[in-house]
Amino acid sequence: MQIPLYIKSTIHTSGSEEAEVVEQQVQADMLQLEDHTLISYQEEDGVERSDVKIFAFKNHMIISRRGPISYQQEYQPNDTTLCNMKMPMGTVEMRVLTHFYQFNPMRKIICQFQLEQGDVILGEYQLDIAWVV
């Protein structure tokens, strides 16, 4: 089924007093399966397009992005996962430390995590994804 999807990313980086907030609304396809919900949509910035798939399970989430920047990140509460992010200048290994994950199949996903590259903390993130079925 097609749904309007509201996505808000709040990013806190060290050395910056104010959080960066990125908001977008897209049309998405939602498919509720036996053990997870699949949400897929496209992001376009006028020049380039990325295909995004969110696999939302009860206790964890996977986001897969295919485009100029491609990756598959897994968010497991109280765990660290690895992710290879492919960018035009090469591949970078990232670590994702998930602090909190909540999934309500009828309304929203909330995920709080820290993203690291090597010994550098890139930021603390809160990802809010909401929809109306």
Protein backbone atom coordinates (compact mmCIF):
# COMPACT_ATOMS: atom_id res chain seq x y z
CA MET A 1 0.00 0.00 0.00
CA GLN A 2 1.13 3.56 -0.71
CA ILE A 3 1.61 5.82 2.31
CA PRO A 4 2.92 9.33 2.98
CA LEU A 5 6.14 8.90 4.98
CA TYR A 6 7.54 11.65 7.22
CA ILE A 7 11.26 11.36 8.06
CA LYS A 8 13.12 13.55 10.54
CA SER A 9 16.84 13.16 11.31
CA THR A 10 18.28 15.10 14.22
CA ILE A 11 22.09 15.11 14.29
CA HIS A 12 24.26 16.29 17.18
CA THR A 13 27.94 16.65 16.27
CA SER A 14 30.76 17.44 18.67
CA GLY A 15 31.83 21.05 18.57
CA SER A 16 28.40 22.23 17.45
CA GLU A 17 25.94 23.68 19.92
CA GLU A 18 22.89 23.34 17.69
CA ALA A 19 21.57 20.12 16.25
CA GLU A 20 21.19 19.77 12.50
CA VAL A 21 17.63 18.78 11.59
CA VAL A 22 16.79 17.25 8.21
CA GLU A 23 13.11 16.70 7.42
CA GLN A 24 11.48 15.18 4.38
CA GLN A 25 8.18 13.77 3.28
CA VAL A 26 7.98 11.13 0.55
CA GLN A 27 5.48 8.68 -0.90
CA ALA A 28 6.43 5.16 0.11
CA ASP A 29 5.29 1.60 -0.41
CA MET A 30 4.59 -0.37 2.76
CA LEU A 31 4.28 -4.12 2.96
CA GLN A 32 3.56 -5.83 6.28
CA LEU A 33 5.03 -9.31 6.30
CA GLU A 34 4.92 -12.04 8.93
CA ASP A 35 8.04 -11.02 10.87
CA HIS A 36 8.75 -7.48 9.64
CA THR A 37 7.47 -4.46 7.76
CA LEU A 38 9.12 -3.36 4.52
CA ILE A 39 8.99 0.33 3.63
CA SER A 40 10.51 1.39 0.31
CA TYR A 41 10.79 4.81 -1.30
CA GLN A 42 12.97 6.95 -3.54
CA GLU A 43 14.86 10.08 -2.60
CA GLU A 44 15.65 12.62 -5.32
CA ASP A 45 17.64 15.81 -5.00
CA GLY A 46 16.92 17.04 -8.52
CA VAL A 47 20.01 15.41 -10.02
CA GLU A 48 20.53 12.03 -8.37
CA ARG A 49 18.16 9.37 -7.09
CA SER A 50 18.54 6.81 -4.30
CA ASP A 51 16.38 3.77 -3.61
CA VAL A 52 15.80 3.23 0.11
CA LYS A 53 14.39 0.16 1.84
CA ILE A 54 13.62 -0.04 5.56
CA PHE A 55 13.23 -3.50 7.06
CA ALA A 56 11.58 -2.86 10.44
CA PHE A 57 11.49 -5.81 12.82
CA LYS A 58 10.16 -5.86 16.38
CA ASN A 59 13.64 -5.58 17.95
CA HIS A 60 15.89 -4.20 15.20
CA MET A 61 15.94 -2.40 11.86
CA ILE A 62 17.95 -2.53 8.64
CA ILE A 63 18.16 0.40 6.22
CA SER A 64 19.47 -0.28 2.73
CA ARG A 65 20.28 2.62 0.40
CA ARG A 66 21.31 2.28 -3.27
CA GLY A 67 22.45 5.35 -5.16
CA PRO A 68 25.49 7.66 -5.33
CA ILE A 69 25.99 6.73 -1.67
CA SER A 70 25.15 3.09 -0.95
CA TYR A 71 25.07 1.20 2.33
CA GLN A 72 23.21 -1.25 4.49
CA GLN A 73 23.08 -0.28 8.17
CA GLU A 74 21.69 -2.47 10.91
CA TYR A 75 20.37 -0.97 14.13
CA GLN A 76 20.42 -3.41 17.08
CA PRO A 77 19.68 -1.83 20.49
CA ASN A 78 22.67 -1.87 22.85
CA ASP A 79 24.91 -3.36 20.17
CA THR A 80 27.50 -2.15 17.66
CA THR A 81 27.22 -3.15 14.01
CA LEU A 82 29.54 -2.49 11.06
CA CYS A 83 28.59 -0.91 7.76
CA ASN A 84 30.54 -0.36 4.53
CA MET A 85 29.44 2.93 2.99
CA LYS A 86 30.24 3.20 -0.73
CA MET A 87 30.72 6.77 -1.91
CA PRO A 88 32.12 8.28 -5.12
CA MET A 89 35.54 8.69 -3.45
CA GLY A 90 35.70 5.10 -2.14
CA THR A 91 34.41 2.81 0.57
CA VAL A 92 34.41 3.78 4.24
CA GLU A 93 33.75 1.46 7.18
CA MET A 94 31.36 2.85 9.78
CA ARG A 95 30.29 1.61 13.19
CA VAL A 96 26.71 2.04 14.34
CA LEU A 97 26.06 1.92 18.11
CA THR A 98 22.30 1.80 18.63
CA HIS A 99 21.09 3.25 21.94
CA PHE A 100 17.33 2.93 21.44
CA TYR A 101 14.89 1.44 18.93
CA GLN A 102 11.10 1.44 19.01
CA PHE A 103 8.78 0.16 16.28
CA ASN A 104 5.03 0.59 16.16
CA PRO A 105 3.83 -1.11 12.92
CA MET A 106 0.81 1.18 12.68
CA ARG A 107 2.51 4.54 13.27
CA LYS A 108 6.24 5.07 13.64
CA ILE A 109 9.86 4.09 14.15
CA ILE A 110 12.20 5.87 16.57
CA CYS A 111 15.90 5.05 16.53
CA GLN A 112 18.75 6.72 18.43
CA PHE A 113 22.31 5.83 17.51
CA GLN A 114 25.92 6.96 17.35
CA LEU A 115 27.83 6.81 14.07
CA GLU A 116 31.62 6.35 14.16
CA GLN A 117 34.39 6.18 11.58
CA GLY A 118 37.64 4.83 12.96
CA ASP A 119 38.22 6.57 16.29
CA VAL A 120 36.06 9.55 15.33
CA ILE A 121 32.49 9.94 16.55
CA LEU A 122 30.63 11.49 13.61
CA GLY A 123 27.53 12.28 15.61
CA GLU A 124 24.61 11.26 17.75
CA TYR A 125 21.51 10.72 15.66
CA GLN A 126 17.80 10.46 16.28
CA LEU A 127 15.76 9.11 13.39
CA ASP A 128 11.98 9.56 13.54
CA ILE A 129 9.92 7.91 10.81
CA ALA A 130 6.13 8.27 10.91
CA TRP A 131 3.15 7.38 8.73
CA VAL A 132 -0.60 6.97 8.76
CA VAL A 133 -2.05 3.67 7.55
